[in-house]
């Protein structure tokens, strides 16, 4: 055997190992970004499908997921805002239907959801406030008719 072959150390030549690790890390980083982009695109597509079915709560969830996966995605941000407005409108209308049916417990919950989806809506805030006031009045009414507890107490004294 030639002498120079036996003296050669095994493994990559000096300076190549760090470069190989760097390339591997870069490759894994690119793969992670691509996979995150695919997951964000999938969530965006699921959001669009939910919106087409008028399942606005699901659309909000899917668009939120897409935005978590890709925070710079302007399409996801815009779609989320649109879905939140539509979901808020849906819950507002649902609350109005419950109110006309005199269902006592559901309107405040539905209006609260609408308010969380669209905090700037004066219509939602007014509906929520009025429903809460109506519930307070109902709770305060005693068995003596339409008098509140305070009115009944004043008459008794």
N, C-alpha and C. Protein backbone atom coordinates (compact mmCIF):
# COMPACT_ATOMS: atom_id res chain seq x y z
N UNK A 1 0.83 -1.19 0.00
CA UNK A 1 0.00 0.00 0.00
C UNK A 1 0.87 1.25 0.00
N UNK A 2 0.48 2.24 -0.74
CA UNK A 2 1.26 3.47 -0.73
C UNK A 2 1.14 4.14 0.63
N UNK A 3 2.20 4.75 1.02
CA UNK A 3 2.28 5.36 2.33
C UNK A 3 1.28 6.51 2.51
N UNK A 4 1.11 7.34 1.49
CA UNK A 4 0.21 8.49 1.62
C UNK A 4 -1.25 8.07 1.78
N UNK A 5 -1.65 6.91 1.23
CA UNK A 5 -3.03 6.43 1.37
C UNK A 5 -3.31 5.98 2.80
N UNK A 6 -2.35 5.37 3.44
CA UNK A 6 -2.54 4.86 4.78
C UNK A 6 -2.59 5.99 5.80
N UNK A 7 -1.96 7.11 5.52
CA UNK A 7 -1.91 8.21 6.47
C UNK A 7 -3.11 9.15 6.36
N UNK A 8 -3.92 9.00 5.33
CA UNK A 8 -5.06 9.89 5.13
C UNK A 8 -6.13 9.63 6.19
N UNK A 9 -6.60 10.66 6.89
CA UNK A 9 -7.64 10.44 7.90
C UNK A 9 -8.98 10.12 7.22
N UNK A 10 -9.80 9.36 7.93
CA UNK A 10 -11.12 9.02 7.37
C UNK A 10 -12.08 10.19 7.58
N UNK A 11 -13.18 10.21 6.82
CA UNK A 11 -14.19 11.26 6.93
C UNK A 11 -13.97 12.34 5.90
N UNK A 12 -14.83 13.34 5.90
CA UNK A 12 -14.72 14.39 4.89
C UNK A 12 -13.48 15.24 5.13
N UNK A 13 -12.99 15.83 4.07
CA UNK A 13 -11.82 16.70 4.22
C UNK A 13 -12.15 17.86 5.16
N UNK A 14 -11.14 18.42 5.80
CA UNK A 14 -11.38 19.53 6.73
C UNK A 14 -12.15 20.67 6.04
N UNK A 15 -13.12 21.24 6.76
CA UNK A 15 -13.91 22.34 6.21
C UNK A 15 -15.17 21.90 5.50
N UNK A 16 -15.28 20.66 5.15
CA UNK A 16 -16.47 20.20 4.42
C UNK A 16 -17.60 19.80 5.36
N UNK A 17 -17.30 19.28 6.52
CA UNK A 17 -18.34 18.84 7.46
C UNK A 17 -19.24 19.99 7.88
N UNK A 18 -18.70 21.15 8.27
CA UNK A 18 -19.60 22.25 8.63
C UNK A 18 -20.46 22.70 7.45
N UNK A 19 -19.91 22.69 6.26
CA UNK A 19 -20.67 23.10 5.08
C UNK A 19 -21.79 22.10 4.80
N UNK A 20 -21.52 20.82 4.97
CA UNK A 20 -22.54 19.79 4.75
C UNK A 20 -23.68 19.95 5.76
N UNK A 21 -23.32 20.25 7.02
CA UNK A 21 -24.35 20.46 8.04
C UNK A 21 -25.19 21.70 7.72
N UNK A 22 -24.52 22.74 7.26
CA UNK A 22 -25.22 23.97 6.89
C UNK A 22 -26.19 23.73 5.75
N UNK A 23 -25.75 22.99 4.74
CA UNK A 23 -26.62 22.67 3.61
C UNK A 23 -27.81 21.83 4.06
N UNK A 24 -27.56 20.87 4.94
CA UNK A 24 -28.64 20.04 5.46
C UNK A 24 -29.65 20.89 6.23
N UNK A 25 -29.15 21.79 7.08
CA UNK A 25 -30.03 22.67 7.85
C UNK A 25 -30.84 23.57 6.93
N UNK A 26 -30.20 24.12 5.91
CA UNK A 26 -30.92 24.95 4.94
C UNK A 26 -32.00 24.16 4.22
N UNK A 27 -31.67 22.95 3.81
CA UNK A 27 -32.64 22.09 3.13
C UNK A 27 -33.83 21.78 4.01
N UNK A 28 -33.56 21.48 5.28
CA UNK A 28 -34.66 21.20 6.21
C UNK A 28 -35.50 22.45 6.46
N UNK A 29 -34.85 23.60 6.53
CA UNK A 29 -35.58 24.86 6.71
C UNK A 29 -36.50 25.15 5.54
N UNK A 30 -35.98 24.97 4.34
CA UNK A 30 -36.79 25.19 3.13
C UNK A 30 -37.97 24.22 3.12
N UNK A 31 -37.71 22.96 3.48
CA UNK A 31 -38.78 21.96 3.50
C UNK A 31 -39.86 22.36 4.51
N UNK A 32 -39.45 22.86 5.68
CA UNK A 32 -40.42 23.28 6.70
C UNK A 32 -41.27 24.44 6.20
N UNK A 33 -40.64 25.40 5.54
CA UNK A 33 -41.39 26.54 5.00
C UNK A 33 -42.39 26.09 3.94
N UNK A 34 -41.95 25.19 3.07
CA UNK A 34 -42.83 24.68 2.01
C UNK A 34 -44.01 23.94 2.62
N UNK A 35 -43.73 23.09 3.63
CA UNK A 35 -44.81 22.33 4.27
C UNK A 35 -45.78 23.26 5.00
N UNK A 36 -45.25 24.28 5.67
CA UNK A 36 -46.13 25.24 6.35
C UNK A 36 -46.98 25.99 5.33
N UNK A 37 -46.39 26.33 4.20
CA UNK A 37 -47.14 26.99 3.13
C UNK A 37 -48.24 26.10 2.59
N UNK A 38 -47.95 24.82 2.46
CA UNK A 38 -48.97 23.87 1.99
C UNK A 38 -50.10 23.76 3.00
N UNK A 39 -49.75 23.69 4.28
CA UNK A 39 -50.78 23.59 5.32
C UNK A 39 -51.63 24.86 5.36
N UNK A 40 -50.99 26.01 5.18
CA UNK A 40 -51.74 27.28 5.16
C UNK A 40 -52.67 27.33 3.96
N UNK A 41 -52.19 26.86 2.81
CA UNK A 41 -53.02 26.83 1.60
C UNK A 41 -54.20 25.89 1.79
N UNK A 42 -53.95 24.75 2.43
CA UNK A 42 -55.03 23.80 2.70
C UNK A 42 -56.08 24.43 3.61
N UNK A 43 -55.63 25.10 4.67
CA UNK A 43 -56.57 25.76 5.59
C UNK A 43 -57.35 26.86 4.87
N UNK A 44 -56.67 27.59 4.00
CA UNK A 44 -57.33 28.65 3.23
C UNK A 44 -58.41 28.05 2.32
N UNK A 45 -58.11 26.94 1.68
CA UNK A 45 -59.09 26.27 0.82
C UNK A 45 -60.27 25.74 1.64
N UNK A 46 -59.99 25.18 2.82
CA UNK A 46 -61.07 24.70 3.68
C UNK A 46 -61.95 25.87 4.13
N UNK A 47 -61.34 27.01 4.39
CA UNK A 47 -62.10 28.20 4.76
C UNK A 47 -63.02 28.64 3.65
N UNK A 48 -62.51 28.64 2.42
CA UNK A 48 -63.34 29.03 1.27
C UNK A 48 -64.52 28.07 1.10
N UNK A 49 -64.25 26.78 1.26
CA UNK A 49 -65.33 25.79 1.14
C UNK A 49 -66.39 26.01 2.21
N UNK A 50 -65.94 26.27 3.44
CA UNK A 50 -66.89 26.52 4.53
C UNK A 50 -67.71 27.77 4.26
N UNK A 51 -67.05 28.79 3.73
CA UNK A 51 -67.76 30.03 3.40
C UNK A 51 -68.81 29.79 2.32
N UNK A 52 -68.49 28.98 1.33
CA UNK A 52 -69.45 28.67 0.27
C UNK A 52 -70.65 27.92 0.83
N UNK A 53 -70.43 27.10 1.87
CA UNK A 53 -71.53 26.37 2.52
C UNK A 53 -72.28 27.27 3.52
N UNK A 54 -71.81 28.50 3.66
CA UNK A 54 -72.34 29.45 4.63
C UNK A 54 -72.13 28.98 6.06
N UNK A 55 -71.07 28.21 6.28
CA UNK A 55 -70.66 27.78 7.62
C UNK A 55 -69.57 28.76 8.06
N UNK A 56 -70.01 29.95 8.46
CA UNK A 56 -69.08 31.04 8.71
C UNK A 56 -68.20 30.83 9.94
N UNK A 57 -68.72 30.14 10.95
CA UNK A 57 -67.89 29.85 12.12
C UNK A 57 -66.71 28.96 11.73
N UNK A 58 -66.98 27.95 10.91
CA UNK A 58 -65.91 27.06 10.44
C UNK A 58 -64.93 27.85 9.56
N UNK A 59 -65.45 28.74 8.73
CA UNK A 59 -64.59 29.56 7.88
C UNK A 59 -63.66 30.42 8.73
N UNK A 60 -64.19 31.00 9.80
CA UNK A 60 -63.35 31.80 10.70
C UNK A 60 -62.25 30.93 11.30
N UNK A 61 -62.60 29.73 11.72
CA UNK A 61 -61.60 28.82 12.31
C UNK A 61 -60.52 28.46 11.29
N UNK A 62 -60.91 28.15 10.07
CA UNK A 62 -59.94 27.75 9.05
C UNK A 62 -59.05 28.92 8.62
N UNK A 63 -59.65 30.09 8.44
CA UNK A 63 -58.84 31.25 8.06
C UNK A 63 -57.89 31.65 9.20
N UNK A 64 -58.33 31.50 10.43
CA UNK A 64 -57.46 31.77 11.57
C UNK A 64 -56.27 30.82 11.58
N UNK A 65 -56.55 29.57 11.27
CA UNK A 65 -55.47 28.57 11.20
C UNK A 65 -54.49 28.93 10.08
N UNK A 66 -55.00 29.31 8.93
CA UNK A 66 -54.14 29.70 7.81
C UNK A 66 -53.26 30.88 8.19
N UNK A 67 -53.82 31.82 8.92
CA UNK A 67 -53.06 33.00 9.33
C UNK A 67 -52.02 32.66 10.39
N UNK A 68 -52.34 31.72 11.28
CA UNK A 68 -51.34 31.27 12.26
C UNK A 68 -50.16 30.61 11.56
N UNK A 69 -50.45 29.82 10.52
CA UNK A 69 -49.40 29.12 9.79
C UNK A 69 -48.60 30.04 8.89
N UNK A 70 -49.24 31.08 8.38
CA UNK A 70 -48.58 32.02 7.47
C UNK A 70 -49.04 33.44 7.81
N UNK A 71 -48.45 34.04 8.85
CA UNK A 71 -48.91 35.34 9.34
C UNK A 71 -48.85 36.47 8.32
N UNK A 72 -48.05 36.33 7.28
CA UNK A 72 -47.93 37.39 6.27
C UNK A 72 -48.90 37.22 5.10
N UNK A 73 -49.77 36.23 5.17
CA UNK A 73 -50.67 35.93 4.07
C UNK A 73 -51.83 36.94 4.04
N UNK A 74 -51.74 37.87 3.12
CA UNK A 74 -52.76 38.93 3.01
C UNK A 74 -54.12 38.36 2.63
N UNK A 75 -54.14 37.32 1.79
CA UNK A 75 -55.42 36.70 1.40
C UNK A 75 -56.12 36.10 2.60
N UNK A 76 -55.36 35.42 3.46
CA UNK A 76 -55.94 34.81 4.66
C UNK A 76 -56.47 35.89 5.60
N UNK A 77 -55.72 36.98 5.75
CA UNK A 77 -56.13 38.07 6.63
C UNK A 77 -57.44 38.70 6.14
N UNK A 78 -57.53 38.96 4.85
CA UNK A 78 -58.74 39.55 4.27
C UNK A 78 -59.92 38.58 4.37
N UNK A 79 -59.67 37.31 4.07
CA UNK A 79 -60.73 36.31 4.15
C UNK A 79 -61.24 36.16 5.58
N UNK A 80 -60.33 36.23 6.55
CA UNK A 80 -60.73 36.12 7.96
C UNK A 80 -61.63 37.30 8.34
N UNK A 81 -61.27 38.50 7.94
CA UNK A 81 -62.10 39.67 8.24
C UNK A 81 -63.49 39.52 7.63
N UNK A 82 -63.53 39.08 6.39
CA UNK A 82 -64.82 38.90 5.69
C UNK A 82 -65.66 37.84 6.40
N UNK A 83 -65.04 36.71 6.75
CA UNK A 83 -65.77 35.63 7.41
C UNK A 83 -66.27 36.06 8.78
N UNK A 84 -65.47 36.84 9.51
CA UNK A 84 -65.92 37.32 10.82
C UNK A 84 -67.14 38.22 10.69
N UNK A 85 -67.14 39.09 9.68
CA UNK A 85 -68.30 39.96 9.47
C UNK A 85 -69.54 39.15 9.12
N UNK A 86 -69.37 38.17 8.25
CA UNK A 86 -70.52 37.33 7.86
C UNK A 86 -71.01 36.49 9.03
N UNK A 87 -70.08 35.96 9.82
CA UNK A 87 -70.47 35.16 10.99
C UNK A 87 -71.19 36.04 12.00
N UNK A 88 -70.70 37.26 12.18
CA UNK A 88 -71.34 38.19 13.11
C UNK A 88 -72.77 38.50 12.66
N UNK A 89 -72.93 38.76 11.38
CA UNK A 89 -74.27 39.04 10.83
C UNK A 89 -75.18 37.83 11.01
N UNK A 90 -74.65 36.63 10.78
CA UNK A 90 -75.43 35.41 10.95
C UNK A 90 -75.91 35.30 12.40
N UNK A 91 -75.00 35.50 13.35
CA UNK A 91 -75.37 35.37 14.76
C UNK A 91 -76.32 36.49 15.20
N UNK A 92 -76.15 37.68 14.66
CA UNK A 92 -77.08 38.77 14.96
C UNK A 92 -78.49 38.41 14.50
N UNK A 93 -78.63 37.92 13.29
CA UNK A 93 -79.95 37.52 12.77
C UNK A 93 -80.53 36.36 13.57
N UNK A 94 -79.68 35.45 13.98
CA UNK A 94 -80.12 34.33 14.80
C UNK A 94 -80.66 34.84 16.14
N UNK A 95 -79.95 35.78 16.72
CA UNK A 95 -80.39 36.37 17.98
C UNK A 95 -81.74 37.05 17.84
N UNK A 96 -81.93 37.75 16.73
CA UNK A 96 -83.21 38.43 16.48
C UNK A 96 -84.35 37.41 16.38
N UNK A 97 -84.07 36.28 15.70
CA UNK A 97 -85.10 35.23 15.59
C UNK A 97 -85.45 34.68 16.97
N UNK A 98 -84.44 34.43 17.79
CA UNK A 98 -84.69 33.92 19.14
C UNK A 98 -85.47 34.94 19.96
N UNK A 99 -85.17 36.21 19.79
CA UNK A 99 -85.86 37.25 20.54
C UNK A 99 -87.33 37.30 20.17
N UNK A 100 -87.66 37.16 18.89
CA UNK A 100 -89.06 37.20 18.48
C UNK A 100 -89.81 35.96 18.95
N UNK A 101 -89.11 34.88 19.18
CA UNK A 101 -89.75 33.66 19.69
C UNK A 101 -89.86 33.67 21.20
N UNK A 102 -89.34 34.71 21.84
CA UNK A 102 -89.35 34.83 23.30
C UNK A 102 -88.56 33.72 23.97
N UNK A 103 -87.54 33.25 23.33
CA UNK A 103 -86.63 32.29 23.94
C UNK A 103 -85.70 33.09 24.84
N UNK A 104 -85.76 32.85 26.12
CA UNK A 104 -85.11 33.76 27.06
C UNK A 104 -83.60 33.60 27.18
N UNK A 105 -83.05 32.44 26.96
CA UNK A 105 -81.63 32.26 27.27
C UNK A 105 -80.70 32.39 26.07
N UNK A 106 -81.17 32.16 24.88
CA UNK A 106 -80.26 32.13 23.73
C UNK A 106 -79.83 33.48 23.16
N UNK A 107 -80.69 34.48 23.07
CA UNK A 107 -80.26 35.72 22.42
C UNK A 107 -78.98 36.34 23.00
N UNK A 108 -78.83 36.43 24.33
CA UNK A 108 -77.61 37.06 24.82
C UNK A 108 -76.35 36.30 24.40
N UNK A 109 -76.41 35.00 24.40
CA UNK A 109 -75.25 34.19 24.01
C UNK A 109 -74.94 34.42 22.54
N UNK A 110 -75.95 34.39 21.70
CA UNK A 110 -75.75 34.56 20.27
C UNK A 110 -75.27 35.98 19.96
N UNK A 111 -75.83 36.97 20.65
CA UNK A 111 -75.38 38.35 20.45
C UNK A 111 -73.94 38.53 20.95
N UNK A 112 -73.59 37.84 22.02
CA UNK A 112 -72.22 37.93 22.54
C UNK A 112 -71.23 37.39 21.51
N UNK A 113 -71.58 36.28 20.87
CA UNK A 113 -70.73 35.71 19.82
C UNK A 113 -70.59 36.72 18.68
N UNK A 114 -71.71 37.30 18.27
CA UNK A 114 -71.68 38.30 17.19
C UNK A 114 -70.81 39.48 17.57
N UNK A 115 -70.87 39.89 18.83
CA UNK A 115 -70.07 41.02 19.30
C UNK A 115 -68.58 40.70 19.28
N UNK A 116 -68.23 39.48 19.65
CA UNK A 116 -66.82 39.08 19.64
C UNK A 116 -66.28 38.99 18.21
N UNK A 117 -67.13 38.60 17.28
CA UNK A 117 -66.70 38.51 15.89
C UNK A 117 -66.59 39.88 15.23
N UNK A 118 -67.44 40.81 15.66
CA UNK A 118 -67.45 42.15 15.07
C UNK A 118 -67.61 43.18 16.19
N UNK A 119 -66.53 43.42 16.95
CA UNK A 119 -66.63 44.28 18.12
C UNK A 119 -67.03 45.72 17.83
N UNK A 120 -66.87 46.18 16.62
CA UNK A 120 -67.19 47.56 16.29
C UNK A 120 -68.62 47.79 15.85
N UNK A 121 -69.44 46.74 15.83
CA UNK A 121 -70.81 46.88 15.32
C UNK A 121 -71.72 47.50 16.38
N UNK A 122 -72.23 48.68 16.09
CA UNK A 122 -73.16 49.33 17.01
C UNK A 122 -74.49 48.60 17.05
N UNK A 123 -74.88 47.99 15.93
CA UNK A 123 -76.14 47.24 15.88
C UNK A 123 -76.08 46.03 16.81
N UNK A 124 -74.96 45.32 16.78
CA UNK A 124 -74.80 44.15 17.65
C UNK A 124 -74.77 44.60 19.10
N UNK A 125 -74.02 45.65 19.40
CA UNK A 125 -73.94 46.15 20.78
C UNK A 125 -75.31 46.57 21.30
N UNK A 126 -76.09 47.24 20.47
CA UNK A 126 -77.43 47.68 20.87
C UNK A 126 -78.34 46.48 21.14
N UNK A 127 -78.28 45.48 20.27
CA UNK A 127 -79.11 44.28 20.45
C UNK A 127 -78.71 43.54 21.72
N UNK A 128 -77.42 43.44 21.97
CA UNK A 128 -76.93 42.76 23.17
C UNK A 128 -77.37 43.52 24.43
N UNK A 129 -77.22 44.82 24.41
CA UNK A 129 -77.60 45.65 25.56
C UNK A 129 -79.10 45.55 25.83
N UNK A 130 -79.91 45.65 24.77
CA UNK A 130 -81.37 45.58 24.95
C UNK A 130 -81.80 44.21 25.47
N UNK A 131 -81.21 43.16 24.95
CA UNK A 131 -81.57 41.81 25.40
C UNK A 131 -81.20 41.61 26.85
N UNK A 132 -80.04 42.10 27.24
CA UNK A 132 -79.63 41.99 28.65
C UNK A 132 -80.59 42.77 29.55
N UNK A 133 -80.99 43.95 29.11
CA UNK A 133 -81.94 44.74 29.90
C UNK A 133 -83.28 44.03 30.03
N UNK A 134 -83.74 43.41 28.95
CA UNK A 134 -85.00 42.66 28.99
C UNK A 134 -84.90 41.48 29.95
N UNK A 135 -83.77 40.81 29.93
CA UNK A 135 -83.58 39.68 30.85
C UNK A 135 -83.55 40.15 32.30
N UNK A 136 -82.88 41.26 32.55
CA UNK A 136 -82.86 41.81 33.92
C UNK A 136 -84.27 42.15 34.38
N UNK A 137 -85.06 42.73 33.48
CA UNK A 137 -86.43 43.10 33.84
C UNK A 137 -87.26 41.85 34.11
N UNK A 138 -87.06 40.80 33.32
CA UNK A 138 -87.80 39.55 33.53
C UNK A 138 -87.45 38.92 34.86
N UNK A 139 -86.18 38.95 35.19
CA UNK A 139 -85.74 38.35 36.44
C UNK A 139 -86.29 39.14 37.63
N UNK A 140 -86.39 40.45 37.47
CA UNK A 140 -86.84 41.30 38.56
C UNK A 140 -88.35 41.24 38.79
N UNK A 141 -89.10 40.79 37.81
CA UNK A 141 -90.55 40.74 37.94
C UNK A 141 -90.94 39.64 38.93
N UNK A 142 -91.82 39.97 39.83
CA UNK A 142 -92.25 38.99 40.83
C UNK A 142 -93.54 38.32 40.39
N UNK A 143 -94.02 37.47 41.21
CA UNK A 143 -95.26 36.76 40.93
C UNK A 143 -96.47 37.68 41.04
N UNK A 144 -96.28 38.89 41.55
CA UNK A 144 -97.39 39.81 41.73
C UNK A 144 -97.74 40.57 40.46
N UNK A 145 -97.34 40.11 39.34
CA UNK A 145 -97.68 40.79 38.10
C UNK A 145 -96.46 41.42 37.48
N UNK A 146 -96.66 42.63 36.99
CA UNK A 146 -95.58 43.28 36.26
C UNK A 146 -94.72 44.18 37.14
N UNK A 147 -94.89 44.08 38.45
CA UNK A 147 -94.10 44.92 39.34
C UNK A 147 -92.74 44.28 39.59
N UNK A 148 -91.74 45.13 39.69
CA UNK A 148 -90.41 44.63 40.03
C UNK A 148 -90.33 44.39 41.52
N UNK A 149 -89.29 43.76 41.97
CA UNK A 149 -89.12 43.51 43.40
C UNK A 149 -89.05 44.82 44.18
N UNK A 150 -88.38 45.79 43.60
CA UNK A 150 -88.26 47.09 44.26
C UNK A 150 -89.64 47.74 44.43
N UNK A 151 -90.45 47.71 43.37
CA UNK A 151 -91.79 48.29 43.44
C UNK A 151 -92.63 47.57 44.49
N UNK A 152 -92.54 46.27 44.55
CA UNK A 152 -93.29 45.49 45.53
C UNK A 152 -92.84 45.83 46.94
N UNK A 153 -91.54 45.96 47.14
CA UNK A 153 -91.00 46.29 48.45
C UNK A 153 -91.45 47.68 48.90
N UNK A 154 -91.47 48.63 47.97
CA UNK A 154 -91.91 49.99 48.29
C UNK A 154 -93.37 49.98 48.71
N UNK A 155 -94.22 49.24 48.03
CA UNK A 155 -95.65 49.17 48.37
C UNK A 155 -95.87 48.53 49.73
N UNK A 156 -95.05 47.57 50.10
CA UNK A 156 -95.21 46.87 51.38
C UNK A 156 -94.79 47.72 52.56
N UNK A 157 -93.94 48.70 52.34
CA UNK A 157 -93.45 49.49 53.48
C UNK A 157 -94.25 50.73 53.71
